[in-house]
Amino acid sequence: MSRGVLITGASRGVGAAAALAFARAGDRVVLHCRGAVDRAEEVRSGLPGHGHAVIAADLGDPAVIPSLVEESAAALGRIDVLVNNAAMFVDEPVAGSRRVGHPLAETSYEEWVANWRRTLAVNLEGAAHVTWCVARQMIDKEPADGVRRGAIVNVGSRGAYRGEPDVPAYGASKAGLHALGQSLAVSLAPHDITVTSIAPGFIATDMTEEFLAGPGGDAIRSQSPFNRVAGTEEVADAIVWLASSEAKWSTGAVLDFNGASYLR
C-alpha cells in the first residue's frame, strides 16, 4: 500500500535521496524546501510513480508550518511518514576573514546570538512544530487499510555526541532533536506512532564536495576505518527502514550511522 511521505529539506542531499528511495518503494512524496523550488521540482520530476509534490516554507517561521502540513496532507491524502531532515548549518564566512561558523573565541556576541537563534529555530523548533502538526493529523485521521498509523524519522547528527566546535549551535540542535525524538516516542506510542532518529557522520553531498576534495579530505575519510564517508543513498535507505513496519520496535532509538568514525 502506498504511503504519504513528507520530507523536509528535500531539494538536495539526504532529503532528495530519501525522496527517491521512498518513491521507489511505491510511496507518494511531498518534497519540502525553503526557497529552492526549481531544484526541488527537478528532484520531483525524476521520481518514479505519481502523486508527488513540492511545497516551500521557511521552518524558522512557526506561523507558516500549519499551512505546510495542511497542504502536504491535502496533496498526499494523509501524511503517514514524516522525515525531519531540514537543517541549517551556519557556515557563512565573516567579512574580511576565512573563519567559518561561530567558534566562541572568534565570534562577537551579536553574531553568536544570531547564529544560535536561527539554527535552533530551524533545526530544533521547526522540527518540533512540524512534528506536532503531523502527529495530530496522524492521530485524528485514520490511515488507509494496510498502512500503520504513523512513523516519524528525525535526521540528527554524530555531532550531537562528538561535538561541533566551530558550529556549536548545530551540534546542540541535533542533540536536542535526538532528545525530542525519544520524548515523543514515549508519548506517541499509545497512538501507534513510532519516532526514531538517525545520527549520520560525514556524508558525501554537493555541499560537502569542496571539503572532501580539499586538503582536509583525507583526514575526514580516515575518521572511519573504511576510509570513506557515507553516501546519501546509504543514509536514505536507513531512513526508509526506520519508517517501515519491520523497524517498529526500534522506536525511541537513535541509530549511529557513521561507519565506526565515532563510537560511544
C-alpha atoms as a PDB file:
ATOM      1  CA  MET A   1       0.000   0.000   0.000  1.00  0.00           C
ATOM      2  CA  SER A   2       1.357   3.414  -0.976  1.00  0.00           C
ATOM      3  CA  ARG A   3       2.082   5.778   1.901  1.00  0.00           C
ATOM      4  CA  GLY A   4       2.100   9.568   2.002  1.00  0.00           C
ATOM      5  CA  VAL A   5       5.542  10.852   2.987  1.00  0.00           C
ATOM      6  CA  LEU A   6       6.558  14.414   3.920  1.00  0.00           C
ATOM      7  CA  ILE A   7      10.304  15.063   3.785  1.00  0.00           C
ATOM      8  CA  THR A   8      11.598  18.423   4.938  1.00  0.00           C
ATOM      9  CA  GLY A   9      14.698  19.805   3.259  1.00  0.00           C
ATOM     10  CA  ALA A  10      14.284  17.571   0.224  1.00  0.00           C
ATOM     11  CA  SER A  11      15.722  19.715  -2.573  1.00  0.00           C
ATOM     12  CA  ARG A  12      19.214  18.197  -2.288  1.00  0.00           C
ATOM     13  CA  GLY A  13      21.454  15.797  -0.395  1.00  0.00           C
ATOM     14  CA  VAL A  14      19.950  13.287   2.012  1.00  0.00           C
ATOM     15  CA  GLY A  15      16.436  14.692   1.617  1.00  0.00           C
ATOM     16  CA  ALA A  16      16.471  14.259  -2.150  1.00  0.00           C
ATOM     17  CA  ALA A  17      17.943  10.757  -1.833  1.00  0.00           C
ATOM     18  CA  ALA A  18      15.271   9.829   0.711  1.00  0.00           C
ATOM     19  CA  ALA A  19      12.549  11.104  -1.621  1.00  0.00           C
ATOM     20  CA  LEU A  20      13.860   8.830  -4.361  1.00  0.00           C
ATOM     21  CA  ALA A  21      14.115   5.843  -2.002  1.00  0.00           C
ATOM     22  CA  PHE A  22      10.533   6.235  -0.747  1.00  0.00           C
ATOM     23  CA  ALA A  23       9.219   6.765  -4.284  1.00  0.00           C
ATOM     24  CA  ARG A  24      10.999   3.627  -5.469  1.00  0.00           C
ATOM     25  CA  ALA A  25       9.194   1.768  -2.699  1.00  0.00           C
ATOM     26  CA  GLY A  26       5.891   2.950  -4.163  1.00  0.00           C
ATOM     27  CA  ASP A  27       5.208   5.831  -1.785  1.00  0.00           C
ATOM     28  CA  ARG A  28       3.983   9.326  -2.654  1.00  0.00           C
ATOM     29  CA  VAL A  29       6.261  12.137  -1.507  1.00  0.00           C
ATOM     30  CA  VAL A  30       5.942  15.829  -0.699  1.00  0.00           C
ATOM     31  CA  LEU A  31       9.347  17.453  -1.034  1.00  0.00           C
ATOM     32  CA  HIS A  32       9.618  20.458   1.255  1.00  0.00           C
ATOM     33  CA  CYS A  33      12.153  23.191   0.551  1.00  0.00           C
ATOM     34  CA  ARG A  34      12.769  26.648   1.931  1.00  0.00           C
ATOM     35  CA  GLY A  35      13.305  28.532  -1.321  1.00  0.00           C
ATOM     36  CA  ALA A  36      14.980  26.237  -3.852  1.00  0.00           C
ATOM     37  CA  VAL A  37      11.739  25.394  -5.601  1.00  0.00           C
ATOM     38  CA  ASP A  38      13.327  24.856  -9.026  1.00  0.00           C
ATOM     39  CA  ARG A  39      15.847  22.410  -7.608  1.00  0.00           C
ATOM     40  CA  ALA A  40      13.136  20.577  -5.663  1.00  0.00           C
ATOM     41  CA  GLU A  41      10.977  20.386  -8.791  1.00  0.00           C
ATOM     42  CA  GLU A  42      13.912  18.870 -10.644  1.00  0.00           C
ATOM     43  CA  VAL A  43      14.175  16.190  -7.961  1.00  0.00           C
ATOM     44  CA  ARG A  44      10.408  15.607  -8.079  1.00  0.00           C
ATOM     45  CA  SER A  45      10.426  15.219 -11.860  1.00  0.00           C
ATOM     46  CA  GLY A  46      12.926  12.387 -11.531  1.00  0.00           C
ATOM     47  CA  LEU A  47      10.877  10.383  -9.033  1.00  0.00           C
ATOM     48  CA  PRO A  48       9.138   7.214 -10.189  1.00  0.00           C
ATOM     49  CA  GLY A  49       5.408   6.926  -9.678  1.00  0.00           C
ATOM     50  CA  HIS A  50       2.777   9.602  -9.307  1.00  0.00           C
ATOM     51  CA  GLY A  51       1.302  11.917  -6.682  1.00  0.00           C
ATOM     52  CA  HIS A  52       4.499  13.734  -5.689  1.00  0.00           C
ATOM     53  CA  ALA A  53       4.548  17.454  -4.917  1.00  0.00           C
ATOM     54  CA  VAL A  54       6.829  20.327  -3.890  1.00  0.00           C
ATOM     55  CA  ILE A  55       5.879  22.785  -1.144  1.00  0.00           C
ATOM     56  CA  ALA A  56       8.055  25.694   0.014  1.00  0.00           C
ATOM     57  CA  ALA A  57       8.117  27.100   3.548  1.00  0.00           C
ATOM     58  CA  ASP A  58      10.607  28.595   5.992  1.00  0.00           C
ATOM     59  CA  LEU A  59      10.645  26.275   9.005  1.00  0.00           C
ATOM     60  CA  GLY A  60      12.153  29.082  11.049  1.00  0.00           C
ATOM     61  CA  ASP A  61       8.752  30.793  10.954  1.00  0.00           C
ATOM     62  CA  PRO A  62       6.282  28.848  13.107  1.00  0.00           C
ATOM     63  CA  ALA A  63       3.338  30.756  11.616  1.00  0.00           C
ATOM     64  CA  VAL A  64       3.724  29.035   8.222  1.00  0.00           C
ATOM     65  CA  ILE A  65       4.172  25.469   9.475  1.00  0.00           C
ATOM     66  CA  PRO A  66       0.465  24.591   9.909  1.00  0.00           C
ATOM     67  CA  SER A  67      -0.156  25.583   6.294  1.00  0.00           C
ATOM     68  CA  LEU A  68       2.813  23.497   5.130  1.00  0.00           C
ATOM     69  CA  VAL A  69       1.402  20.423   6.844  1.00  0.00           C
ATOM     70  CA  GLU A  70      -2.169  21.086   5.705  1.00  0.00           C
ATOM     71  CA  GLU A  71      -1.073  21.491   2.086  1.00  0.00           C
ATOM     72  CA  SER A  72       1.078  18.373   2.325  1.00  0.00           C
ATOM     73  CA  ALA A  73      -1.792  16.339   3.770  1.00  0.00           C
ATOM     74  CA  ALA A  74      -4.093  17.594   1.029  1.00  0.00           C
ATOM     75  CA  ALA A  75      -1.584  16.622  -1.665  1.00  0.00           C
ATOM     76  CA  LEU A  76      -0.991  13.174  -0.186  1.00  0.00           C
ATOM     77  CA  GLY A  77      -4.428  12.419   1.202  1.00  0.00           C
ATOM     78  CA  ARG A  78      -2.766  11.690   4.547  1.00  0.00           C
ATOM     79  CA  ILE A  79       0.767  12.003   5.924  1.00  0.00           C
ATOM     80  CA  ASP A  80       1.798   8.519   7.035  1.00  0.00           C
ATOM     81  CA  VAL A  81       5.530   9.202   7.350  1.00  0.00           C
ATOM     82  CA  LEU A  82       7.382  12.357   8.374  1.00  0.00           C
ATOM     83  CA  VAL A  83      11.126  12.757   7.839  1.00  0.00           C
ATOM     84  CA  ASN A  84      12.521  15.748   9.725  1.00  0.00           C
ATOM     85  CA  ASN A  85      15.584  16.316   7.576  1.00  0.00           C
ATOM     86  CA  ALA A  86      15.754  20.094   7.053  1.00  0.00           C
ATOM     87  CA  ALA A  87      18.654  21.674   8.901  1.00  0.00           C
ATOM     88  CA  MET A  88      20.641  24.870   8.871  1.00  0.00           C
ATOM     89  CA  PHE A  89      24.427  24.621   9.134  1.00  0.00           C
ATOM     90  CA  VAL A  90      25.571  28.208   9.632  1.00  0.00           C
ATOM     91  CA  ASP A  91      28.802  28.432   7.698  1.00  0.00           C
ATOM     92  CA  GLU A  92      28.957  31.879   6.143  1.00  0.00           C
ATOM     93  CA  PRO A  93      32.478  33.346   6.419  1.00  0.00           C
ATOM     94  CA  VAL A  94      32.744  36.597   8.315  1.00  0.00           C
ATOM     95  CA  ALA A  95      33.683  39.555   6.091  1.00  0.00           C
ATOM     96  CA  GLY A  96      37.439  40.033   5.895  1.00  0.00           C
ATOM     97  CA  SER A  97      38.319  36.610   7.291  1.00  0.00           C
ATOM     98  CA  ARG A  98      38.283  32.946   6.340  1.00  0.00           C
ATOM     99  CA  ARG A  99      36.534  31.909   9.533  1.00  0.00           C
ATOM    100  CA  VAL A 100      33.610  29.559   9.101  1.00  0.00           C
ATOM    101  CA  GLY A 101      30.862  29.018  11.641  1.00  0.00           C
ATOM    102  CA  HIS A 102      30.735  30.614  15.068  1.00  0.00           C
ATOM    103  CA  PRO A 103      33.565  29.340  17.296  1.00  0.00           C
ATOM    104  CA  LEU A 104      33.160  31.047  20.644  1.00  0.00           C
ATOM    105  CA  ALA A 105      36.606  32.657  20.913  1.00  0.00           C
ATOM    106  CA  GLU A 106      36.327  34.269  17.471  1.00  0.00           C
ATOM    107  CA  THR A 107      32.679  35.330  17.358  1.00  0.00           C
ATOM    108  CA  SER A 108      31.119  38.569  18.555  1.00  0.00           C
ATOM    109  CA  TYR A 109      28.216  38.336  20.961  1.00  0.00           C
ATOM    110  CA  GLU A 110      25.819  39.697  18.333  1.00  0.00           C
ATOM    111  CA  GLU A 111      26.914  37.060  15.794  1.00  0.00           C
ATOM    112  CA  TRP A 112      26.756  34.364  18.462  1.00  0.00           C
ATOM    113  CA  VAL A 113      23.160  35.207  19.409  1.00  0.00           C
ATOM    114  CA  ALA A 114      22.047  35.470  15.782  1.00  0.00           C
ATOM    115  CA  ASN A 115      23.566  32.098  14.875  1.00  0.00           C
ATOM    116  CA  TRP A 116      22.004  30.339  17.855  1.00  0.00           C
ATOM    117  CA  ARG A 117      18.583  31.839  17.285  1.00  0.00           C
ATOM    118  CA  ARG A 118      18.414  30.983  13.609  1.00  0.00           C
ATOM    119  CA  THR A 119      19.924  27.495  13.945  1.00  0.00           C
ATOM    120  CA  LEU A 120      17.655  26.406  16.781  1.00  0.00           C
ATOM    121  CA  ALA A 121      14.621  27.996  15.130  1.00  0.00           C
ATOM    122  CA  VAL A 122      15.049  25.775  12.056  1.00  0.00           C
ATOM    123  CA  ASN A 123      16.817  22.631  13.256  1.00  0.00           C
ATOM    124  CA  LEU A 124      15.020  22.059  16.551  1.00  0.00           C
ATOM    125  CA  GLU A 125      11.975  24.275  16.964  1.00  0.00           C
ATOM    126  CA  GLY A 126      10.977  23.914  13.314  1.00  0.00           C
ATOM    127  CA  ALA A 127      11.187  20.124  13.531  1.00  0.00           C
ATOM    128  CA  ALA A 128       9.199  20.157  16.778  1.00  0.00           C
ATOM    129  CA  HIS A 129       6.446  22.303  15.285  1.00  0.00           C
ATOM    130  CA  VAL A 130       6.201  20.238  12.086  1.00  0.00           C
ATOM    131  CA  THR A 131       6.058  17.102  14.210  1.00  0.00           C
ATOM    132  CA  TRP A 132       3.205  18.499  16.329  1.00  0.00           C
ATOM    133  CA  CYS A 133       1.136  19.298  13.254  1.00  0.00           C
ATOM    134  CA  VAL A 134       1.841  15.989  11.528  1.00  0.00           C
ATOM    135  CA  ALA A 135       1.353  13.852  14.635  1.00  0.00           C
ATOM    136  CA  ARG A 136      -2.015  15.466  15.363  1.00  0.00           C
ATOM    137  CA  GLN A 137      -3.066  14.667  11.790  1.00  0.00           C
ATOM    138  CA  MET A 138      -1.851  11.072  12.233  1.00  0.00           C
ATOM    139  CA  ILE A 139      -3.915  10.772  15.407  1.00  0.00           C
ATOM    140  CA  ASP A 140      -7.067  12.397  14.028  1.00  0.00           C
ATOM    141  CA  LYS A 141      -7.208  10.838  10.555  1.00  0.00           C
ATOM    142  CA  GLU A 142      -7.461   7.101  10.035  1.00  0.00           C
ATOM    143  CA  PRO A 143      -4.809   5.504   7.799  1.00  0.00           C
ATOM    144  CA  ALA A 144      -5.656   3.508   4.720  1.00  0.00           C
ATOM    145  CA  ASP A 145      -6.057  -0.248   5.018  1.00  0.00           C
ATOM    146  CA  GLY A 146      -2.672  -1.912   5.322  1.00  0.00           C
ATOM    147  CA  VAL A 147      -0.880   1.290   6.398  1.00  0.00           C
ATOM    148  CA  ARG A 148       0.056   1.774  10.025  1.00  0.00           C
ATOM    149  CA  ARG A 149      -0.870   4.970  11.805  1.00  0.00           C
ATOM    150  CA  GLY A 150       2.439   6.790  11.615  1.00  0.00           C
ATOM    151  CA  ALA A 151       6.226   6.859  11.571  1.00  0.00           C
ATOM    152  CA  ILE A 152       8.454   9.856  12.256  1.00  0.00           C
ATOM    153  CA  VAL A 153      12.178   9.806  11.500  1.00  0.00           C
ATOM    154  CA  ASN A 154      14.495  12.593  12.646  1.00  0.00           C
ATOM    155  CA  VAL A 155      17.775  13.144  10.829  1.00  0.00           C
ATOM    156  CA  GLY A 156      20.206  14.086  13.588  1.00  0.00           C
ATOM    157  CA  SER A 157      23.983  14.012  13.591  1.00  0.00           C
ATOM    158  CA  ARG A 158      27.093  12.406  15.019  1.00  0.00           C
ATOM    159  CA  GLY A 159      27.961  15.966  16.016  1.00  0.00           C
ATOM    160  CA  ALA A 160      25.413  15.763  18.824  1.00  0.00           C
ATOM    161  CA  TYR A 161      27.845  13.432  20.630  1.00  0.00           C
ATOM    162  CA  ARG A 162      31.231  14.099  19.059  1.00  0.00           C
ATOM    163  CA  GLY A 163      30.865  17.866  19.302  1.00  0.00           C
ATOM    164  CA  GLU A 164      30.917  20.671  16.731  1.00  0.00           C
ATOM    165  CA  PRO A 165      33.491  23.201  17.985  1.00  0.00           C
ATOM    166  CA  ASP A 166      33.108  25.548  15.011  1.00  0.00           C
ATOM    167  CA  VAL A 167      29.309  25.333  14.868  1.00  0.00           C
ATOM    168  CA  PRO A 168      28.197  24.563  18.440  1.00  0.00           C
ATOM    169  CA  ALA A 169      24.620  25.661  17.778  1.00  0.00           C
ATOM    170  CA  TYR A 170      24.340  22.961  15.109  1.00  0.00           C
ATOM    171  CA  GLY A 171      25.625  20.238  17.429  1.00  0.00           C
ATOM    172  CA  ALA A 172      23.324  21.373  20.217  1.00  0.00           C
ATOM    173  CA  SER A 173      20.329  21.498  17.881  1.00  0.00           C
ATOM    174  CA  LYS A 174      20.929  17.908  16.814  1.00  0.00           C
ATOM    175  CA  ALA A 175      21.323  16.734  20.404  1.00  0.00           C
ATOM    176  CA  GLY A 176      18.002  18.417  21.133  1.00  0.00           C
ATOM    177  CA  LEU A 177      16.438  16.710  18.111  1.00  0.00           C
ATOM    178  CA  HIS A 178      17.548  13.305  19.393  1.00  0.00           C
ATOM    179  CA  ALA A 179      16.079  14.067  22.821  1.00  0.00           C
ATOM    180  CA  LEU A 180      12.860  15.330  21.245  1.00  0.00           C
ATOM    181  CA  GLY A 181      12.521  12.071  19.339  1.00  0.00           C
ATOM    182  CA  GLN A 182      12.958   9.982  22.468  1.00  0.00           C
ATOM    183  CA  SER A 183      10.401  12.021  24.408  1.00  0.00           C
ATOM    184  CA  LEU A 184       7.843  11.787  21.617  1.00  0.00           C
ATOM    185  CA  ALA A 185       8.494   8.074  21.095  1.00  0.00           C
ATOM    186  CA  VAL A 186       7.108   7.520  24.586  1.00  0.00           C
ATOM    187  CA  SER A 187       4.181   9.915  24.304  1.00  0.00           C
ATOM    188  CA  LEU A 188       3.095   8.778  20.825  1.00  0.00           C
ATOM    189  CA  ALA A 189       3.476   5.007  21.281  1.00  0.00           C
ATOM    190  CA  PRO A 190      -0.079   4.670  22.680  1.00  0.00           C
ATOM    191  CA  HIS A 191      -1.272   6.150  19.379  1.00  0.00           C
ATOM    192  CA  ASP A 192       0.725   3.545  17.397  1.00  0.00           C
ATOM    193  CA  ILE A 193       3.117   6.196  16.076  1.00  0.00           C
ATOM    194  CA  THR A 194       6.846   5.450  16.129  1.00  0.00           C
ATOM    195  CA  VAL A 195       9.617   8.038  16.442  1.00  0.00           C
ATOM    196  CA  THR A 196      13.235   7.225  15.677  1.00  0.00           C
ATOM    197  CA  SER A 197      16.363   9.210  14.874  1.00  0.00           C
ATOM    198  CA  ILE A 198      19.443   8.604  12.772  1.00  0.00           C
ATOM    199  CA  ALA A 199      22.793  10.194  13.618  1.00  0.00           C
ATOM    200  CA  PRO A 200      24.968  10.163  10.479  1.00  0.00           C
ATOM    201  CA  GLY A 201      28.612  11.100  10.345  1.00  0.00           C
ATOM    202  CA  PHE A 202      30.142  12.915   7.388  1.00  0.00           C
ATOM    203  CA  ILE A 203      28.133  12.443   4.174  1.00  0.00           C
ATOM    204  CA  ALA A 204      29.199  12.990   0.578  1.00  0.00           C
ATOM    205  CA  THR A 205      26.836  15.628  -0.829  1.00  0.00           C
ATOM    206  CA  ASP A 206      27.158  18.540  -3.214  1.00  0.00           C
ATOM    207  CA  MET A 207      27.540  20.784  -0.161  1.00  0.00           C
ATOM    208  CA  THR A 208      30.490  18.769   1.229  1.00  0.00           C
ATOM    209  CA  GLU A 209      32.187  18.126  -2.108  1.00  0.00           C
ATOM    210  CA  GLU A 210      34.603  21.038  -1.644  1.00  0.00           C
ATOM    211  CA  PHE A 211      35.653  19.824   1.816  1.00  0.00           C
ATOM    212  CA  LEU A 212      36.246  16.275   0.601  1.00  0.00           C
ATOM    213  CA  ALA A 213      38.231  17.438  -2.438  1.00  0.00           C
ATOM    214  CA  GLY A 214      40.344  19.837  -0.384  1.00  0.00           C
ATOM    215  CA  PRO A 215      43.449  19.295   1.710  1.00  0.00           C
ATOM    216  CA  GLY A 216      41.406  18.020   4.647  1.00  0.00           C
ATOM    217  CA  GLY A 217      39.526  15.401   2.642  1.00  0.00           C
ATOM    218  CA  ASP A 218      41.848  12.530   3.503  1.00  0.00           C
ATOM    219  CA  ALA A 219      41.601  13.325   7.209  1.00  0.00           C
ATOM    220  CA  ILE A 220      37.802  13.318   7.014  1.00  0.00           C
ATOM    221  CA  ARG A 221      37.744   9.970   5.228  1.00  0.00           C
ATOM    222  CA  SER A 222      40.244   8.459   7.642  1.00  0.00           C
ATOM    223  CA  GLN A 223      37.885   9.092  10.565  1.00  0.00           C
ATOM    224  CA  SER A 224      36.212   5.837   9.532  1.00  0.00           C
ATOM    225  CA  PRO A 225      38.150   2.546   9.353  1.00  0.00           C
ATOM    226  CA  PHE A 226      36.509   2.096   5.966  1.00  0.00           C
ATOM    227  CA  ASN A 227      38.454   5.192   4.849  1.00  0.00           C
ATOM    228  CA  ARG A 228      35.430   6.812   3.246  1.00  0.00           C
ATOM    229  CA  VAL A 229      32.317   8.795   4.107  1.00  0.00           C
ATOM    230  CA  ALA A 230      28.685   7.780   3.736  1.00  0.00           C
ATOM    231  CA  GLY A 231      26.750   8.204   0.526  1.00  0.00           C
ATOM    232  CA  THR A 232      23.358   9.879   0.557  1.00  0.00           C
ATOM    233  CA  GLU A 233      21.761   6.676  -0.747  1.00  0.00           C
ATOM    234  CA  GLU A 234      23.025   4.739   2.267  1.00  0.00           C
ATOM    235  CA  VAL A 235      21.503   7.222   4.680  1.00  0.00           C
ATOM    236  CA  ALA A 236      18.261   7.299   2.682  1.00  0.00           C
ATOM    237  CA  ASP A 237      17.932   3.514   2.773  1.00  0.00           C
ATOM    238  CA  ALA A 238      18.351   3.562   6.552  1.00  0.00           C
ATOM    239  CA  ILE A 239      15.657   6.238   6.852  1.00  0.00           C
ATOM    240  CA  VAL A 240      13.246   4.147   4.782  1.00  0.00           C
ATOM    241  CA  TRP A 241      13.914   1.151   7.025  1.00  0.00           C
ATOM    242  CA  LEU A 242      13.341   3.175  10.206  1.00  0.00           C
ATOM    243  CA  ALA A 243       9.952   4.206   8.798  1.00  0.00           C
ATOM    244  CA  SER A 244       8.997   0.620   7.994  1.00  0.00           C
ATOM    245  CA  SER A 245       6.795  -1.749   9.954  1.00  0.00           C
ATOM    246  CA  GLU A 246       9.785  -4.043  10.422  1.00  0.00           C
ATOM    247  CA  ALA A 247      11.539  -1.316  12.431  1.00  0.00           C
ATOM    248  CA  LYS A 248       8.585  -0.590  14.715  1.00  0.00           C
ATOM    249  CA  TRP A 249      10.268  -1.962  17.852  1.00  0.00           C
ATOM    250  CA  SER A 250      13.191   0.442  17.372  1.00  0.00           C
ATOM    251  CA  THR A 251      11.021   3.412  18.342  1.00  0.00           C
ATOM    252  CA  GLY A 252      12.886   5.754  20.661  1.00  0.00           C
ATOM    253  CA  ALA A 253      16.262   4.660  19.323  1.00  0.00           C
ATOM    254  CA  VAL A 254      18.996   6.866  17.881  1.00  0.00           C
ATOM    255  CA  LEU A 255      20.805   4.936  15.159  1.00  0.00           C
ATOM    256  CA  ASP A 256      24.514   5.758  14.991  1.00  0.00           C
ATOM    257  CA  PHE A 257      25.315   5.752  11.267  1.00  0.00           C
ATOM    258  CA  ASN A 258      28.914   6.855  10.936  1.00  0.00           C
ATOM    259  CA  GLY A 259      30.993   3.921   9.704  1.00  0.00           C
ATOM    260  CA  ALA A 260      32.590   3.499  13.146  1.00  0.00           C
ATOM    261  CA  SER A 261      34.058   7.008  12.891  1.00  0.00           C
ATOM    262  CA  TYR A 262      32.750   7.795  16.370  1.00  0.00           C
ATOM    263  CA  LEU A 263      31.883   5.152  18.943  1.00  0.00           C
ATOM    264  CA  ARG A 264      30.095   5.781  22.222  1.00  0.00           C
END
